[in-house]
Amino acid sequence: TQEKFHEKHRWWQGKITLTNAGKGVRLYISYIGFEEIGAMQIMYSKEVQVTNQVGLYARPATFFIQKANEFKSTILVEKEERRVNAKSLLGILSLGITKGTTINLIADGPDEEEAVSALVELITSNFTD
């Protein structure tokens, strides 16, 4: 997608790129203006299926939020159209994630890729170390 912006005598041309290299999704916004040229990474996300017997409930949910709290990034869990803070036990429990549910983990921050990877690993290991 390409868009042009005109704001207070500034002209910008932007390009939004969504990439999926099998390791997750990255969103980049590239822009060119009178004063600056650059690229900015927006977020990192990955889908994962919950396969343990009880889903993301009680004990597994506690392990999940403890792992999420190890990272500085903002982390969200998305199920269908709802998103909650991955660092909130009540938020996670409110999604009702059962065995077989596919969720999307979305992170934004300095350690976003590591955060998503660690949470995916935790889920795919069925919450065992």
Protein backbone atom coordinates (compact mmCIF):
# COMPACT_ATOMS: atom_id res chain seq x y z
CA THR A 1 0.00 0.00 0.00
CA GLN A 2 1.34 3.42 -0.84
CA GLU A 3 -0.05 6.69 0.42
CA LYS A 4 0.88 10.34 0.12
CA PHE A 5 0.48 12.77 2.99
CA HIS A 6 0.44 16.56 2.93
CA GLU A 7 0.48 18.25 6.30
CA LYS A 8 1.51 21.86 7.00
CA HIS A 9 3.68 22.25 3.88
CA ARG A 10 5.32 18.85 4.32
CA TRP A 11 5.06 16.18 1.68
CA TRP A 12 5.54 12.54 2.63
CA GLN A 13 5.26 9.41 0.59
CA GLY A 14 4.73 6.27 2.62
CA LYS A 15 4.86 2.57 1.96
CA ILE A 16 3.41 -0.01 4.32
CA THR A 17 4.89 -3.50 4.06
CA LEU A 18 3.59 -6.59 5.81
CA THR A 19 5.98 -9.55 5.73
CA ASN A 20 5.55 -13.13 6.87
CA ALA A 21 8.70 -15.23 6.84
CA GLY A 22 7.22 -18.20 8.69
CA LYS A 23 8.56 -16.86 11.97
CA GLY A 24 5.86 -14.29 12.57
CA VAL A 25 4.58 -11.12 10.99
CA ARG A 26 6.38 -7.78 10.80
CA LEU A 27 4.86 -4.48 9.82
CA TYR A 28 7.14 -1.77 8.44
CA ILE A 29 6.31 1.78 7.52
CA SER A 30 8.80 3.45 5.19
CA TYR A 31 8.48 7.14 4.58
CA ILE A 32 10.19 9.85 2.55
CA GLY A 33 9.73 13.51 3.40
CA PHE A 34 11.45 16.82 2.90
CA GLU A 35 13.39 16.44 6.12
CA GLU A 36 13.81 12.74 6.75
CA ILE A 37 14.08 9.31 5.19
CA GLY A 38 13.66 6.23 7.33
CA ALA A 39 11.85 3.05 8.25
CA MET A 40 10.05 2.21 11.42
CA GLN A 41 9.11 -1.24 12.67
CA ILE A 42 5.69 -1.31 14.28
CA MET A 43 5.09 -4.72 15.88
CA TYR A 44 5.77 -8.45 15.78
CA SER A 45 3.10 -11.15 15.93
CA LYS A 46 2.64 -14.88 15.53
CA GLU A 47 -0.27 -17.31 15.64
CA VAL A 48 -0.07 -20.41 17.81
CA GLN A 49 -2.51 -23.20 18.66
CA VAL A 50 -2.99 -24.09 22.33
CA THR A 51 -2.75 -27.89 22.59
CA ASN A 52 -2.48 -28.68 26.30
CA GLN A 53 -5.42 -30.46 27.95
CA VAL A 54 -6.92 -27.53 29.92
CA GLY A 55 -6.07 -24.69 27.55
CA LEU A 56 -4.90 -21.38 28.96
CA TYR A 57 -6.62 -21.68 32.31
CA ALA A 58 -5.51 -21.58 35.96
CA ARG A 59 -1.98 -22.95 36.25
CA PRO A 60 -0.96 -22.64 32.56
CA ALA A 61 -2.33 -19.08 32.51
CA THR A 62 -0.21 -18.24 35.56
CA PHE A 63 2.92 -19.62 33.86
CA PHE A 64 2.01 -17.65 30.74
CA ILE A 65 1.68 -14.28 32.48
CA GLN A 66 4.84 -14.89 34.52
CA LYS A 67 6.74 -15.45 31.26
CA ALA A 68 5.11 -12.40 29.63
CA ASN A 69 6.14 -10.23 32.58
CA GLU A 70 9.81 -11.07 31.95
CA PHE A 71 9.75 -8.74 28.92
CA LYS A 72 9.63 -4.96 28.54
CA SER A 73 7.46 -5.03 25.41
CA THR A 74 3.72 -4.53 25.43
CA ILE A 75 2.27 -7.97 24.68
CA LEU A 76 -1.30 -8.70 23.64
CA VAL A 77 -3.18 -11.96 23.18
CA GLU A 78 -5.81 -11.94 20.46
CA LYS A 79 -8.60 -14.50 20.17
CA GLU A 80 -11.02 -13.93 17.35
CA GLU A 81 -11.65 -10.16 17.55
CA ARG A 82 -10.74 -9.63 21.25
CA ARG A 83 -7.35 -8.48 22.51
CA VAL A 84 -6.15 -8.51 26.11
CA ASN A 85 -2.94 -7.68 27.93
CA ALA A 86 -0.79 -10.84 28.10
CA LYS A 87 0.47 -9.71 31.51
CA SER A 88 -3.03 -9.74 33.05
CA LEU A 89 -4.34 -12.97 34.57
CA LEU A 90 -7.95 -11.76 34.48
CA GLY A 91 -7.54 -10.67 30.87
CA ILE A 92 -6.16 -14.05 29.81
CA LEU A 93 -8.84 -15.97 31.72
CA SER A 94 -11.57 -13.78 30.21
CA LEU A 95 -10.70 -15.03 26.71
CA GLY A 96 -11.71 -18.60 27.60
CA ILE A 97 -8.86 -20.21 25.66
CA THR A 98 -9.47 -23.94 25.48
CA LYS A 99 -7.56 -26.83 23.93
CA GLY A 100 -7.38 -26.41 20.14
CA THR A 101 -7.87 -22.64 20.18
CA THR A 102 -5.62 -20.61 17.87
CA ILE A 103 -4.48 -17.30 19.33
CA ASN A 104 -2.37 -14.47 17.97
CA LEU A 105 0.46 -13.12 20.13
CA ILE A 106 1.31 -9.49 19.36
CA ALA A 107 4.24 -7.61 20.86
CA ASP A 108 5.54 -4.08 20.48
CA GLY A 109 8.74 -2.92 22.13
CA PRO A 110 12.48 -3.46 22.47
CA ASP A 111 12.29 -7.23 23.00
CA GLU A 112 9.13 -8.00 21.00
CA GLU A 113 10.56 -10.85 18.93
CA GLU A 114 12.06 -12.59 21.96
CA ALA A 115 8.83 -12.15 23.91
CA VAL A 116 6.64 -13.71 21.23
CA SER A 117 9.13 -16.53 20.63
CA ALA A 118 9.35 -17.36 24.35
CA LEU A 119 5.55 -17.42 24.72
CA VAL A 120 5.11 -19.56 21.60
CA GLU A 121 7.73 -21.97 22.95
CA LEU A 122 5.95 -22.13 26.31
CA ILE A 123 2.61 -22.88 24.63
CA THR A 124 3.99 -25.46 22.20
CA SER A 125 5.80 -27.24 25.08
CA ASN A 126 2.41 -27.62 26.81
CA PHE A 127 3.69 -25.40 29.63
CA THR A 128 6.58 -27.63 30.68
CA ASP A 129 10.14 -26.38 31.12
